[in-house]
Amino acid sequence: MSTPNATLSALEAVSARLEIITRSLERTAAAVEANSGHVASLSESITRLENLMEKRFDNLEALMRQQLELSRQQHETAQMQGRHIDRLMSITEMLIQQRVA
């Protein structure tokens, strides 16, 4: 049988070890809580970034549509100018032929 002093020493050792484990668990819980806050903050930042990127892509698509429309209008204008130049050349040739004749 163990002596009361030995039992008391064993209990004190177990109590000291439990105290160390408790402090360690408290530190771990605090670290987990801090990490959870960081993860939540990161998640919010990612959501804001995604929203910003979506908005920028929408703006880019709108600008590309505008650019396409401007290119189409420019092409039509160039074709119209070409037709006018051809007509003016025909008129000029006709006037020159009338002047020569």
C-alpha atoms as a PDB file:
ATOM      1  CA  MET A   1       0.000   0.000   0.000  1.00  0.00           C
ATOM      2  CA  SER A   2       1.219   3.519  -0.728  1.00  0.00           C
ATOM      3  CA  THR A   3       1.791   6.050   1.886  1.00  0.00           C
ATOM      4  CA  PRO A   4      -0.355   9.150   2.158  1.00  0.00           C
ATOM      5  CA  ASN A   5       2.660  11.289   1.202  1.00  0.00           C
ATOM      6  CA  ALA A   6       3.243   9.252  -1.951  1.00  0.00           C
ATOM      7  CA  THR A   7      -0.434   9.481  -2.861  1.00  0.00           C
ATOM      8  CA  LEU A   8      -0.386  13.219  -2.219  1.00  0.00           C
ATOM      9  CA  SER A   9       2.728  13.636  -4.374  1.00  0.00           C
ATOM     10  CA  ALA A  10       1.149  11.635  -7.163  1.00  0.00           C
ATOM     11  CA  LEU A  11      -2.021  13.720  -6.953  1.00  0.00           C
ATOM     12  CA  GLU A  12       0.005  16.932  -7.007  1.00  0.00           C
ATOM     13  CA  ALA A  13       1.925  15.711 -10.048  1.00  0.00           C
ATOM     14  CA  VAL A  14      -1.302  14.791 -11.838  1.00  0.00           C
ATOM     15  CA  SER A  15      -2.826  18.139 -10.837  1.00  0.00           C
ATOM     16  CA  ALA A  16       0.229  20.017 -12.141  1.00  0.00           C
ATOM     17  CA  ARG A  17       0.090  18.056 -15.387  1.00  0.00           C
ATOM     18  CA  LEU A  18      -3.652  18.779 -15.727  1.00  0.00           C
ATOM     19  CA  GLU A  19      -2.954  22.472 -15.138  1.00  0.00           C
ATOM     20  CA  ILE A  20      -0.343  22.429 -17.951  1.00  0.00           C
ATOM     21  CA  ILE A  21      -2.784  20.633 -20.260  1.00  0.00           C
ATOM     22  CA  THR A  22      -5.564  23.105 -19.360  1.00  0.00           C
ATOM     23  CA  ARG A  23      -3.333  26.117 -20.152  1.00  0.00           C
ATOM     24  CA  SER A  24      -2.267  24.472 -23.387  1.00  0.00           C
ATOM     25  CA  LEU A  25      -5.892  23.847 -24.353  1.00  0.00           C
ATOM     26  CA  GLU A  26      -6.789  27.464 -23.521  1.00  0.00           C
ATOM     27  CA  ARG A  27      -3.950  28.726 -25.751  1.00  0.00           C
ATOM     28  CA  THR A  28      -5.072  26.355 -28.512  1.00  0.00           C
ATOM     29  CA  ALA A  29      -8.679  27.555 -28.188  1.00  0.00           C
ATOM     30  CA  ALA A  30      -7.532  31.193 -28.366  1.00  0.00           C
ATOM     31  CA  ALA A  31      -5.439  30.422 -31.458  1.00  0.00           C
ATOM     32  CA  VAL A  32      -8.371  28.606 -33.106  1.00  0.00           C
ATOM     33  CA  GLU A  33     -10.638  31.557 -32.338  1.00  0.00           C
ATOM     34  CA  ALA A  34      -8.117  34.016 -33.786  1.00  0.00           C
ATOM     35  CA  ASN A  35      -7.688  31.840 -36.875  1.00  0.00           C
ATOM     36  CA  SER A  36     -11.459  31.644 -37.303  1.00  0.00           C
ATOM     37  CA  GLY A  37     -11.579  35.455 -37.306  1.00  0.00           C
ATOM     38  CA  HIS A  38      -8.797  35.580 -39.882  1.00  0.00           C
ATOM     39  CA  VAL A  39     -10.564  33.022 -42.067  1.00  0.00           C
ATOM     40  CA  ALA A  40     -13.799  35.022 -41.869  1.00  0.00           C
ATOM     41  CA  SER A  41     -11.944  38.217 -42.763  1.00  0.00           C
ATOM     42  CA  LEU A  42     -10.192  36.483 -45.654  1.00  0.00           C
ATOM     43  CA  SER A  43     -13.493  35.073 -46.864  1.00  0.00           C
ATOM     44  CA  GLU A  44     -15.061  38.554 -46.833  1.00  0.00           C
ATOM     45  CA  SER A  45     -12.068  39.962 -48.709  1.00  0.00           C
ATOM     46  CA  ILE A  46     -12.337  37.227 -51.345  1.00  0.00           C
ATOM     47  CA  THR A  47     -16.051  37.973 -51.760  1.00  0.00           C
ATOM     48  CA  ARG A  48     -15.323  41.699 -52.194  1.00  0.00           C
ATOM     49  CA  LEU A  49     -12.593  40.863 -54.713  1.00  0.00           C
ATOM     50  CA  GLU A  50     -14.910  38.565 -56.662  1.00  0.00           C
ATOM     51  CA  ASN A  51     -17.596  41.270 -56.746  1.00  0.00           C
ATOM     52  CA  LEU A  52     -15.075  43.868 -57.877  1.00  0.00           C
ATOM     53  CA  MET A  53     -13.731  41.567 -60.584  1.00  0.00           C
ATOM     54  CA  GLU A  54     -17.258  40.797 -61.796  1.00  0.00           C
ATOM     55  CA  LYS A  55     -18.043  44.520 -61.968  1.00  0.00           C
ATOM     56  CA  ARG A  56     -14.801  45.215 -63.856  1.00  0.00           C
ATOM     57  CA  PHE A  57     -15.506  42.382 -66.313  1.00  0.00           C
ATOM     58  CA  ASP A  58     -18.997  43.766 -66.879  1.00  0.00           C
ATOM     59  CA  ASN A  59     -17.474  47.202 -67.535  1.00  0.00           C
ATOM     60  CA  LEU A  60     -14.926  45.648 -69.880  1.00  0.00           C
ATOM     61  CA  GLU A  61     -17.647  43.810 -71.797  1.00  0.00           C
ATOM     62  CA  ALA A  62     -19.625  47.057 -72.146  1.00  0.00           C
ATOM     63  CA  LEU A  63     -16.520  48.860 -73.414  1.00  0.00           C
ATOM     64  CA  MET A  64     -15.844  46.061 -75.890  1.00  0.00           C
ATOM     65  CA  ARG A  65     -19.429  46.266 -77.178  1.00  0.00           C
ATOM     66  CA  GLN A  66     -19.044  50.034 -77.581  1.00  0.00           C
ATOM     67  CA  GLN A  67     -15.733  49.565 -79.388  1.00  0.00           C
ATOM     68  CA  LEU A  68     -17.304  46.988 -81.701  1.00  0.00           C
ATOM     69  CA  GLU A  69     -20.164  49.378 -82.493  1.00  0.00           C
ATOM     70  CA  LEU A  70     -17.707  52.210 -83.170  1.00  0.00           C
ATOM     71  CA  SER A  71     -15.675  49.928 -85.441  1.00  0.00           C
ATOM     72  CA  ARG A  72     -18.850  48.965 -87.321  1.00  0.00           C
ATOM     73  CA  GLN A  73     -19.803  52.638 -87.711  1.00  0.00           C
ATOM     74  CA  GLN A  74     -16.294  53.493 -88.874  1.00  0.00           C
ATOM     75  CA  HIS A  75     -16.433  50.704 -91.455  1.00  0.00           C
ATOM     76  CA  GLU A  76     -19.800  51.953 -92.760  1.00  0.00           C
ATOM     77  CA  THR A  77     -18.455  55.518 -92.914  1.00  0.00           C
ATOM     78  CA  ALA A  78     -15.375  54.369 -94.820  1.00  0.00           C
ATOM     79  CA  GLN A  79     -17.577  52.495 -97.304  1.00  0.00           C
ATOM     80  CA  MET A  80     -19.797  55.547 -97.754  1.00  0.00           C
ATOM     81  CA  GLN A  81     -16.732  57.760 -98.273  1.00  0.00           C
ATOM     82  CA  GLY A  82     -15.451  55.295-100.855  1.00  0.00           C
ATOM     83  CA  ARG A  83     -18.748  55.481-102.736  1.00  0.00           C
ATOM     84  CA  HIS A  84     -18.657  59.299-102.602  1.00  0.00           C
ATOM     85  CA  ILE A  85     -15.091  59.356-103.873  1.00  0.00           C
ATOM     86  CA  ASP A  86     -16.035  57.004-106.745  1.00  0.00           C
ATOM     87  CA  ARG A  87     -18.999  59.246-107.604  1.00  0.00           C
ATOM     88  CA  LEU A  88     -16.866  62.396-107.449  1.00  0.00           C
ATOM     89  CA  MET A  89     -14.256  60.735-109.671  1.00  0.00           C
ATOM     90  CA  SER A  90     -16.994  59.841-112.184  1.00  0.00           C
ATOM     91  CA  ILE A  91     -18.318  63.404-112.139  1.00  0.00           C
ATOM     92  CA  THR A  92     -14.787  64.794-112.517  1.00  0.00           C
ATOM     93  CA  GLU A  93     -14.057  62.474-115.453  1.00  0.00           C
ATOM     94  CA  MET A  94     -17.353  63.463-117.072  1.00  0.00           C
ATOM     95  CA  LEU A  95     -16.581  67.171-116.631  1.00  0.00           C
ATOM     96  CA  ILE A  96     -13.090  66.703-118.061  1.00  0.00           C
ATOM     97  CA  GLN A  97     -14.512  64.812-121.067  1.00  0.00           C
ATOM     98  CA  GLN A  98     -17.103  67.572-121.624  1.00  0.00           C
ATOM     99  CA  ARG A  99     -14.405  70.229-121.396  1.00  0.00           C
ATOM    100  CA  VAL A 100     -12.172  68.373-123.859  1.00  0.00           C
ATOM    101  CA  ALA A 101     -14.967  67.796-126.324  1.00  0.00           C
END
